[in-house]
């Protein structure tokens, strides 16, 4: 019979776990930031990052395959502390926020598509037109500005200055 306390033994040095957690967090944050905000869908980039890293960190401890619960706890704590530290630094230092936080990107300016942003985000014109229709707009000329927001959604400011209804929520399934 296996000793039940073995699942709580630290198998990896704490410093190694902390360094691994910090390096992987920062690397994934940078990669997600470089590859575009549209990929995150309705979640923020850091939300996706945290979910992925936490799932991986606790996976071994949950399954019991060579990683102790204590190792997983140290990794989870490190990842969450990294998230809080990045958010605090972005709040305190505007230059750091520019590097780590996505900003809205103008897809349409004064009725004209910004093809550079569309290309960078791998968005087809038809995708933008579809979003405009969801906002009740049939013609790009009716749009003053349309932004790809940090959460992946598209916000639309009509040319007339009128207030558009929010797009309908997708059906729950």
C-alpha atoms as a PDB file:
ATOM      1  CA  UNK A   1       0.000   0.000   0.000  1.00  0.00           C
ATOM      2  CA  UNK A   2       1.368   3.401  -0.996  1.00  0.00           C
ATOM      3  CA  UNK A   3       2.099   5.996   1.625  1.00  0.00           C
ATOM      4  CA  UNK A   4      -0.716   8.592   1.318  1.00  0.00           C
ATOM      5  CA  UNK A   5       1.611  11.398   2.401  1.00  0.00           C
ATOM      6  CA  UNK A   6       3.733  10.961  -0.749  1.00  0.00           C
ATOM      7  CA  UNK A   7       1.215  12.980  -2.741  1.00  0.00           C
ATOM      8  CA  UNK A   8       2.048  15.993  -0.555  1.00  0.00           C
ATOM      9  CA  UNK A   9       5.846  15.695  -0.791  1.00  0.00           C
ATOM     10  CA  UNK A  10       7.604  18.397  -2.753  1.00  0.00           C
ATOM     11  CA  UNK A  11       9.271  16.617  -5.685  1.00  0.00           C
ATOM     12  CA  UNK A  12      10.780  19.684  -7.350  1.00  0.00           C
ATOM     13  CA  UNK A  13      12.713  22.474  -5.624  1.00  0.00           C
ATOM     14  CA  UNK A  14      10.462  25.483  -4.884  1.00  0.00           C
ATOM     15  CA  UNK A  15      12.768  27.939  -6.660  1.00  0.00           C
ATOM     16  CA  UNK A  16      12.654  25.818  -9.832  1.00  0.00           C
ATOM     17  CA  UNK A  17       8.846  25.722  -9.721  1.00  0.00           C
ATOM     18  CA  UNK A  18       8.642  29.486  -9.218  1.00  0.00           C
ATOM     19  CA  UNK A  19      11.100  30.213 -12.045  1.00  0.00           C
ATOM     20  CA  UNK A  20       9.280  27.793 -14.370  1.00  0.00           C
ATOM     21  CA  UNK A  21       5.925  29.389 -13.536  1.00  0.00           C
ATOM     22  CA  UNK A  22       7.168  32.951 -14.075  1.00  0.00           C
ATOM     23  CA  UNK A  23       9.010  32.180 -17.329  1.00  0.00           C
ATOM     24  CA  UNK A  24       6.101  30.251 -18.850  1.00  0.00           C
ATOM     25  CA  UNK A  25       3.587  32.916 -17.772  1.00  0.00           C
ATOM     26  CA  UNK A  26       5.604  35.743 -19.307  1.00  0.00           C
ATOM     27  CA  UNK A  27       6.374  33.781 -22.471  1.00  0.00           C
ATOM     28  CA  UNK A  28       2.706  32.912 -23.047  1.00  0.00           C
ATOM     29  CA  UNK A  29       1.614  36.469 -22.242  1.00  0.00           C
ATOM     30  CA  UNK A  30       4.009  37.788 -24.872  1.00  0.00           C
ATOM     31  CA  UNK A  31       2.996  35.197 -27.477  1.00  0.00           C
ATOM     32  CA  UNK A  32      -0.718  35.773 -26.973  1.00  0.00           C
ATOM     33  CA  UNK A  33      -0.138  39.535 -27.180  1.00  0.00           C
ATOM     34  CA  UNK A  34       1.871  39.198 -30.417  1.00  0.00           C
ATOM     35  CA  UNK A  35      -0.578  36.868 -32.148  1.00  0.00           C
ATOM     36  CA  UNK A  36      -3.589  39.128 -31.743  1.00  0.00           C
ATOM     37  CA  UNK A  37      -6.481  39.842 -29.476  1.00  0.00           C
ATOM     38  CA  UNK A  38      -9.158  38.309 -31.673  1.00  0.00           C
ATOM     39  CA  UNK A  39      -8.096  34.811 -30.671  1.00  0.00           C
ATOM     40  CA  UNK A  40      -9.236  35.325 -27.080  1.00  0.00           C
ATOM     41  CA  UNK A  41     -12.919  35.515 -27.983  1.00  0.00           C
ATOM     42  CA  UNK A  42     -15.037  36.983 -25.189  1.00  0.00           C
ATOM     43  CA  UNK A  43     -12.325  36.547 -22.566  1.00  0.00           C
ATOM     44  CA  UNK A  44      -9.450  38.858 -21.879  1.00  0.00           C
ATOM     45  CA  UNK A  45      -5.984  37.703 -22.885  1.00  0.00           C
ATOM     46  CA  UNK A  46      -4.854  37.262 -19.296  1.00  0.00           C
ATOM     47  CA  UNK A  47      -8.043  35.277 -18.538  1.00  0.00           C
ATOM     48  CA  UNK A  48      -7.196  32.764 -21.268  1.00  0.00           C
ATOM     49  CA  UNK A  49      -3.593  32.633 -20.123  1.00  0.00           C
ATOM     50  CA  UNK A  50      -4.552  31.936 -16.506  1.00  0.00           C
ATOM     51  CA  UNK A  51      -7.029  29.213 -17.467  1.00  0.00           C
ATOM     52  CA  UNK A  52      -4.501  27.399 -19.650  1.00  0.00           C
ATOM     53  CA  UNK A  53      -1.652  27.641 -17.164  1.00  0.00           C
ATOM     54  CA  UNK A  54      -3.735  26.645 -14.150  1.00  0.00           C
ATOM     55  CA  UNK A  55      -5.130  23.636 -15.989  1.00  0.00           C
ATOM     56  CA  UNK A  56      -1.632  22.506 -16.881  1.00  0.00           C
ATOM     57  CA  UNK A  57      -0.237  23.218 -13.414  1.00  0.00           C
ATOM     58  CA  UNK A  58      -2.818  21.160 -11.559  1.00  0.00           C
ATOM     59  CA  UNK A  59      -3.042  18.399 -14.168  1.00  0.00           C
ATOM     60  CA  UNK A  60      -0.181  16.306 -12.833  1.00  0.00           C
ATOM     61  CA  UNK A  61      -1.182  16.747  -9.197  1.00  0.00           C
ATOM     62  CA  UNK A  62      -4.769  15.808 -10.032  1.00  0.00           C
ATOM     63  CA  UNK A  63      -3.886  12.708 -12.039  1.00  0.00           C
ATOM     64  CA  UNK A  64      -1.139  11.631  -9.670  1.00  0.00           C
ATOM     65  CA  UNK A  65       1.450  11.036 -12.373  1.00  0.00           C
ATOM     66  CA  UNK A  66       4.777  12.175 -10.933  1.00  0.00           C
ATOM     67  CA  UNK A  67       3.730  15.601  -9.695  1.00  0.00           C
ATOM     68  CA  UNK A  68       2.751  16.084  -6.105  1.00  0.00           C
ATOM     69  CA  UNK A  69      -0.150  18.207  -4.946  1.00  0.00           C
ATOM     70  CA  UNK A  70       2.378  20.477  -3.255  1.00  0.00           C
ATOM     71  CA  UNK A  71       4.228  21.020  -6.552  1.00  0.00           C
ATOM     72  CA  UNK A  72       0.915  21.916  -8.207  1.00  0.00           C
ATOM     73  CA  UNK A  73       0.017  24.277  -5.350  1.00  0.00           C
ATOM     74  CA  UNK A  74       3.354  26.099  -5.655  1.00  0.00           C
ATOM     75  CA  UNK A  75       2.884  26.452  -9.430  1.00  0.00           C
ATOM     76  CA  UNK A  76      -0.711  27.683  -9.111  1.00  0.00           C
ATOM     77  CA  UNK A  77       0.299  30.214  -6.469  1.00  0.00           C
ATOM     78  CA  UNK A  78       3.180  31.417  -8.662  1.00  0.00           C
ATOM     79  CA  UNK A  79       0.931  31.799 -11.723  1.00  0.00           C
ATOM     80  CA  UNK A  80      -1.740  33.707  -9.805  1.00  0.00           C
ATOM     81  CA  UNK A  81       0.874  35.967  -8.215  1.00  0.00           C
ATOM     82  CA  UNK A  82       2.316  36.653 -11.698  1.00  0.00           C
ATOM     83  CA  UNK A  83      -1.137  37.619 -12.907  1.00  0.00           C
ATOM     84  CA  UNK A  84      -1.667  40.002  -9.996  1.00  0.00           C
ATOM     85  CA  UNK A  85       1.847  41.445 -10.410  1.00  0.00           C
ATOM     86  CA  UNK A  86       1.358  42.060 -14.156  1.00  0.00           C
ATOM     87  CA  UNK A  87      -2.029  43.723 -13.548  1.00  0.00           C
ATOM     88  CA  UNK A  88      -0.603  45.874 -10.736  1.00  0.00           C
ATOM     89  CA  UNK A  89       2.402  46.919 -12.838  1.00  0.00           C
ATOM     90  CA  UNK A  90       0.149  47.729 -15.812  1.00  0.00           C
ATOM     91  CA  UNK A  91      -2.016  49.878 -13.535  1.00  0.00           C
ATOM     92  CA  UNK A  92       0.969  51.652 -11.957  1.00  0.00           C
ATOM     93  CA  UNK A  93       3.148  52.103 -15.064  1.00  0.00           C
ATOM     94  CA  UNK A  94       1.386  53.165 -18.280  1.00  0.00           C
ATOM     95  CA  UNK A  95       4.352  52.094 -20.429  1.00  0.00           C
ATOM     96  CA  UNK A  96       4.052  48.557 -19.042  1.00  0.00           C
ATOM     97  CA  UNK A  97       0.336  48.544 -19.777  1.00  0.00           C
ATOM     98  CA  UNK A  98       1.102  49.323 -23.422  1.00  0.00           C
ATOM     99  CA  UNK A  99       3.284  46.204 -23.588  1.00  0.00           C
ATOM    100  CA  UNK A 100       1.035  43.779 -21.690  1.00  0.00           C
ATOM    101  CA  UNK A 101      -2.544  44.941 -22.289  1.00  0.00           C
ATOM    102  CA  UNK A 102      -4.333  44.888 -25.600  1.00  0.00           C
ATOM    103  CA  UNK A 103      -5.798  48.146 -26.882  1.00  0.00           C
ATOM    104  CA  UNK A 104      -8.835  48.683 -29.095  1.00  0.00           C
ATOM    105  CA  UNK A 105      -7.920  48.654 -32.790  1.00  0.00           C
ATOM    106  CA  UNK A 106      -9.841  50.786 -35.270  1.00  0.00           C
ATOM    107  CA  UNK A 107     -11.315  48.542 -37.972  1.00  0.00           C
ATOM    108  CA  UNK A 108     -13.282  51.382 -39.560  1.00  0.00           C
ATOM    109  CA  UNK A 109     -12.541  55.124 -39.517  1.00  0.00           C
ATOM    110  CA  UNK A 110     -15.024  57.571 -40.991  1.00  0.00           C
ATOM    111  CA  UNK A 111     -16.678  54.882 -43.120  1.00  0.00           C
ATOM    112  CA  UNK A 112     -13.412  53.407 -44.481  1.00  0.00           C
ATOM    113  CA  UNK A 113     -12.045  49.968 -43.659  1.00  0.00           C
ATOM    114  CA  UNK A 114      -8.587  49.863 -42.104  1.00  0.00           C
ATOM    115  CA  UNK A 115      -7.121  47.030 -44.183  1.00  0.00           C
ATOM    116  CA  UNK A 116      -3.860  47.022 -42.213  1.00  0.00           C
ATOM    117  CA  UNK A 117      -5.677  46.102 -38.995  1.00  0.00           C
ATOM    118  CA  UNK A 118      -7.859  43.570 -40.802  1.00  0.00           C
ATOM    119  CA  UNK A 119      -4.747  41.940 -42.212  1.00  0.00           C
ATOM    120  CA  UNK A 120      -2.951  41.930 -38.855  1.00  0.00           C
ATOM    121  CA  UNK A 121      -5.936  40.265 -37.173  1.00  0.00           C
ATOM    122  CA  UNK A 122      -6.618  37.921 -40.122  1.00  0.00           C
ATOM    123  CA  UNK A 123     -10.150  39.267 -40.465  1.00  0.00           C
ATOM    124  CA  UNK A 124     -12.053  39.167 -43.729  1.00  0.00           C
ATOM    125  CA  UNK A 125     -14.137  42.156 -44.774  1.00  0.00           C
ATOM    126  CA  UNK A 126     -17.194  39.879 -44.646  1.00  0.00           C
ATOM    127  CA  UNK A 127     -16.611  39.260 -40.924  1.00  0.00           C
ATOM    128  CA  UNK A 128     -16.710  43.001 -40.244  1.00  0.00           C
ATOM    129  CA  UNK A 129     -19.819  43.416 -42.401  1.00  0.00           C
ATOM    130  CA  UNK A 130     -21.472  40.597 -40.447  1.00  0.00           C
ATOM    131  CA  UNK A 131     -20.754  42.385 -37.174  1.00  0.00           C
ATOM    132  CA  UNK A 132     -22.120  45.639 -38.588  1.00  0.00           C
ATOM    133  CA  UNK A 133     -25.355  43.863 -39.507  1.00  0.00           C
ATOM    134  CA  UNK A 134     -25.626  42.613 -35.918  1.00  0.00           C
ATOM    135  CA  UNK A 135     -25.485  46.282 -34.904  1.00  0.00           C
ATOM    136  CA  UNK A 136     -28.243  47.125 -37.393  1.00  0.00           C
ATOM    137  CA  UNK A 137     -25.913  48.781 -39.917  1.00  0.00           C
ATOM    138  CA  UNK A 138     -26.081  47.784 -43.585  1.00  0.00           C
ATOM    139  CA  UNK A 139     -23.486  50.119 -45.106  1.00  0.00           C
ATOM    140  CA  UNK A 140     -19.902  50.827 -43.956  1.00  0.00           C
ATOM    141  CA  UNK A 141     -20.529  54.483 -44.833  1.00  0.00           C
ATOM    142  CA  UNK A 142     -22.938  54.656 -41.881  1.00  0.00           C
ATOM    143  CA  UNK A 143     -20.065  53.942 -39.461  1.00  0.00           C
ATOM    144  CA  UNK A 144     -17.944  56.638 -37.878  1.00  0.00           C
ATOM    145  CA  UNK A 145     -15.708  54.157 -36.052  1.00  0.00           C
ATOM    146  CA  UNK A 146     -15.676  50.406 -35.417  1.00  0.00           C
ATOM    147  CA  UNK A 147     -13.157  48.946 -32.995  1.00  0.00           C
ATOM    148  CA  UNK A 148     -11.870  45.469 -32.329  1.00  0.00           C
ATOM    149  CA  UNK A 149     -11.951  45.543 -28.539  1.00  0.00           C
ATOM    150  CA  UNK A 150      -9.390  43.807 -26.274  1.00  0.00           C
ATOM    151  CA  UNK A 151     -11.912  41.059 -25.489  1.00  0.00           C
ATOM    152  CA  UNK A 152     -12.309  40.208 -29.198  1.00  0.00           C
ATOM    153  CA  UNK A 153     -15.715  41.868 -29.634  1.00  0.00           C
ATOM    154  CA  UNK A 154     -16.399  44.627 -32.165  1.00  0.00           C
ATOM    155  CA  UNK A 155     -17.910  47.917 -31.006  1.00  0.00           C
ATOM    156  CA  UNK A 156     -19.520  50.272 -33.508  1.00  0.00           C
ATOM    157  CA  UNK A 157     -20.032  54.046 -33.358  1.00  0.00           C
ATOM    158  CA  UNK A 158     -22.475  55.157 -36.064  1.00  0.00           C
ATOM    159  CA  UNK A 159     -21.773  58.237 -38.185  1.00  0.00           C
ATOM    160  CA  UNK A 160     -25.000  59.981 -37.143  1.00  0.00           C
ATOM    161  CA  UNK A 161     -23.977  59.815 -33.478  1.00  0.00           C
ATOM    162  CA  UNK A 162     -27.042  57.728 -32.696  1.00  0.00           C
ATOM    163  CA  UNK A 163     -26.890  55.043 -30.077  1.00  0.00           C
ATOM    164  CA  UNK A 164     -26.901  51.513 -31.399  1.00  0.00           C
ATOM    165  CA  UNK A 165     -28.338  48.639 -29.441  1.00  0.00           C
ATOM    166  CA  UNK A 166     -25.843  46.081 -28.247  1.00  0.00           C
ATOM    167  CA  UNK A 167     -25.681  43.015 -30.449  1.00  0.00           C
ATOM    168  CA  UNK A 168     -27.927  40.215 -29.270  1.00  0.00           C
ATOM    169  CA  UNK A 169     -26.360  37.629 -27.019  1.00  0.00           C
ATOM    170  CA  UNK A 170     -25.676  34.297 -28.690  1.00  0.00           C
ATOM    171  CA  UNK A 171     -28.184  31.575 -27.821  1.00  0.00           C
ATOM    172  CA  UNK A 172     -27.205  29.434 -24.861  1.00  0.00           C
ATOM    173  CA  UNK A 173     -26.730  25.865 -25.761  1.00  0.00           C
END
